[in-house]
C-alpha atoms as a PDB file:
ATOM      1  CA  MET A   1       0.098  -0.027   0.100  1.00  0.00           C
ATOM      2  CA  LYS A   2       1.262   3.801  -1.073  1.00  0.00           C
ATOM      3  CA  VAL A   3       1.608   5.979   1.942  1.00  0.00           C
ATOM      4  CA  LEU A   4       4.117   8.630   3.026  1.00  0.00           C
ATOM      5  CA  HIS A   5       6.789   8.632   4.719  1.00  0.00           C
ATOM      6  CA  ILE A   6       8.693  11.078   7.051  1.00  0.00           C
ATOM      7  CA  ALA A   7      11.497  10.517   9.146  1.00  0.00           C
ATOM      8  CA  GLN A   8      14.535  12.518  11.269  1.00  0.00           C
ATOM      9  CA  ASN A   9      17.144  12.069   8.346  1.00  0.00           C
ATOM     10  CA  THR A  10      14.383  13.030   5.433  1.00  0.00           C
ATOM     11  CA  PRO A  11      14.270  16.695   4.609  1.00  0.00           C
ATOM     12  CA  ARG A  12      10.629  16.092   3.170  1.00  0.00           C
ATOM     13  CA  TYR A  13       7.792  13.112   3.672  1.00  0.00           C
ATOM     14  CA  GLU A  14       7.948  10.995   0.115  1.00  0.00           C
ATOM     15  CA  VAL A  15       6.077   8.071  -1.337  1.00  0.00           C
ATOM     16  CA  VAL A  16       6.651   4.946  -0.041  1.00  0.00           C
ATOM     17  CA  GLU A  17       5.805   1.417  -0.470  1.00  0.00           C
ATOM     18  CA  LEU A  18       4.788   0.018   3.410  1.00  0.00           C
ATOM     19  CA  LEU A  19       5.960  -3.869   2.992  1.00  0.00           C
ATOM     20  CA  ALA A  20       5.260  -3.779   6.515  1.00  0.00           C
ATOM     21  CA  ASN A  21       3.465  -2.594  10.230  1.00  0.00           C
ATOM     22  CA  ARG A  22       6.718  -4.385  12.234  1.00  0.00           C
ATOM     23  CA  VAL A  23       9.885  -6.274  10.741  1.00  0.00           C
ATOM     24  CA  ASN A  24       9.045  -9.140  13.397  1.00  0.00           C
ATOM     25  CA  ARG A  25       7.706  -9.071  16.986  1.00  0.00           C
ATOM     26  CA  ASN A  26      10.857  -8.211  18.227  1.00  0.00           C
ATOM     27  CA  ASN A  27      11.246  -4.888  16.316  1.00  0.00           C
ATOM     28  CA  SER A  28       8.695  -2.750  15.994  1.00  0.00           C
ATOM     29  CA  LEU A  29      10.258  -0.481  12.863  1.00  0.00           C
ATOM     30  CA  SER A  30       8.381  -0.487   9.919  1.00  0.00           C
ATOM     31  CA  VAL A  31       9.218  -2.417   6.462  1.00  0.00           C
ATOM     32  CA  ILE A  32       9.283  -0.115   3.983  1.00  0.00           C
ATOM     33  CA  ARG A  33      10.199   0.655  -0.056  1.00  0.00           C
ATOM     34  CA  GLY A  34      11.325   3.350  -1.502  1.00  0.00           C
ATOM     35  CA  GLU A  35      10.765   4.851  -5.137  1.00  0.00           C
ATOM     36  CA  ASP A  36      14.109   3.305  -5.522  1.00  0.00           C
ATOM     37  CA  GLY A  37      13.041   0.101  -4.643  1.00  0.00           C
ATOM     38  CA  GLN A  38      15.361  -0.151  -2.039  1.00  0.00           C
ATOM     39  CA  THR A  39      13.613  -2.238   0.572  1.00  0.00           C
ATOM     40  CA  SER A  40      14.295  -1.124   4.622  1.00  0.00           C
ATOM     41  CA  TYR A  41      13.313  -0.158   7.852  1.00  0.00           C
ATOM     42  CA  THR A  42      12.230   2.744   9.362  1.00  0.00           C
ATOM     43  CA  GLY A  43      11.597   4.217  13.077  1.00  0.00           C
ATOM     44  CA  GLY A  44      10.012   7.557  10.518  1.00  0.00           C
ATOM     45  CA  TYR A  45       6.760   8.335  10.661  1.00  0.00           C
ATOM     46  CA  ILE A  46       3.964   6.620   8.158  1.00  0.00           C
ATOM     47  CA  LEU A  47       0.995   8.816   7.018  1.00  0.00           C
ATOM     48  CA  GLU A  48      -2.093   7.944   5.254  1.00  0.00           C
ATOM     49  CA  ASP A  49      -1.311   9.000   1.623  1.00  0.00           C
ATOM     50  CA  THR A  50      -4.741  11.813   2.096  1.00  0.00           C
ATOM     51  CA  PRO A  51      -5.336  14.404  -0.026  1.00  0.00           C
ATOM     52  CA  VAL A  52      -5.607  16.318   2.809  1.00  0.00           C
ATOM     53  CA  ILE A  53      -2.853  14.800   4.206  1.00  0.00           C
ATOM     54  CA  ARG A  54      -0.855  15.881   1.282  1.00  0.00           C
ATOM     55  CA  ASP A  55      -2.086  19.092   1.202  1.00  0.00           C
ATOM     56  CA  ILE A  56      -1.027  20.198   5.083  1.00  0.00           C
ATOM     57  CA  LEU A  57       2.176  19.191   4.679  1.00  0.00           C
ATOM     58  CA  ASP A  58       2.887  21.155   1.466  1.00  0.00           C
ATOM     59  CA  LYS A  59       1.758  23.736   3.368  1.00  0.00           C
ATOM     60  CA  ILE A  60       5.068  23.497   5.598  1.00  0.00           C
ATOM     61  CA  PRO A  61       8.643  24.057   4.821  1.00  0.00           C
ATOM     62  CA  PRO A  62      10.016  20.888   3.747  1.00  0.00           C
ATOM     63  CA  GLU A  63      12.550  21.243   7.005  1.00  0.00           C
ATOM     64  CA  GLU A  64      10.283  21.995   9.526  1.00  0.00           C
ATOM     65  CA  GLN A  65       7.639  18.875   8.136  1.00  0.00           C
ATOM     66  CA  TYR A  66       9.471  16.492   9.918  1.00  0.00           C
ATOM     67  CA  GLU A  67       8.856  17.825  13.876  1.00  0.00           C
ATOM     68  CA  PHE A  68       5.148  19.185  12.889  1.00  0.00           C
ATOM     69  CA  VAL A  69       4.619  15.642  12.767  1.00  0.00           C
ATOM     70  CA  GLN A  70       6.173  15.282  15.207  1.00  0.00           C
ATOM     71  CA  THR A  71       4.227  17.923  17.304  1.00  0.00           C
ATOM     72  CA  TRP A  72       0.463  16.527  15.638  1.00  0.00           C
ATOM     73  CA  ARG A  73       1.945  12.610  16.689  1.00  0.00           C
ATOM     74  CA  THR A  74       3.053  12.967  20.353  1.00  0.00           C
ATOM     75  CA  GLU A  75      -0.580  12.527  22.223  1.00  0.00           C
ATOM     76  CA  PRO A  76      -0.168  15.711  24.686  1.00  0.00           C
ATOM     77  CA  PHE A  77       0.330  14.452  29.015  1.00  0.00           C
ATOM     78  CA  ALA A  78      -1.287  15.384  31.772  1.00  0.00           C
ATOM     79  CA  LYS A  79      -0.791  12.366  33.825  1.00  0.00           C
ATOM     80  CA  PHE A  80      -1.189   9.024  34.324  1.00  0.00           C
ATOM     81  CA  TYR A  81      -4.233   8.268  36.541  1.00  0.00           C
ATOM     82  CA  TYR A  82      -6.923  10.761  37.229  1.00  0.00           C
ATOM     83  CA  GLU A  83      -8.086   9.442  40.846  1.00  0.00           C
ATOM     84  CA  GLU A  84      -4.150   9.176  41.742  1.00  0.00           C
ATOM     85  CA  GLU A  85      -3.599  11.585  44.667  1.00  0.00           C
ATOM     86  CA  THR A  86       0.278  13.014  45.334  1.00  0.00           C
ATOM     87  CA  ALA A  87       1.133  14.251  48.628  1.00  0.00           C
END
């Protein structure tokens, strides 16, 4: 399946083929095949290839895309448990 991939070492998103979400049970990296035909493992972000996502990323300078996706994909953190009291 075609997806968008972005990693810290790539200048901007790229269209790749997602071969597997994980290498195996012990290795959580995704397996992708780039436009050059090379298969690689990546710890970068895999995004659904939709016109809306492409439009958003295309409006961001290439050198800022990874940082944007990184903050976008991070869940805000308040505390682990609502009912936990701190002394």
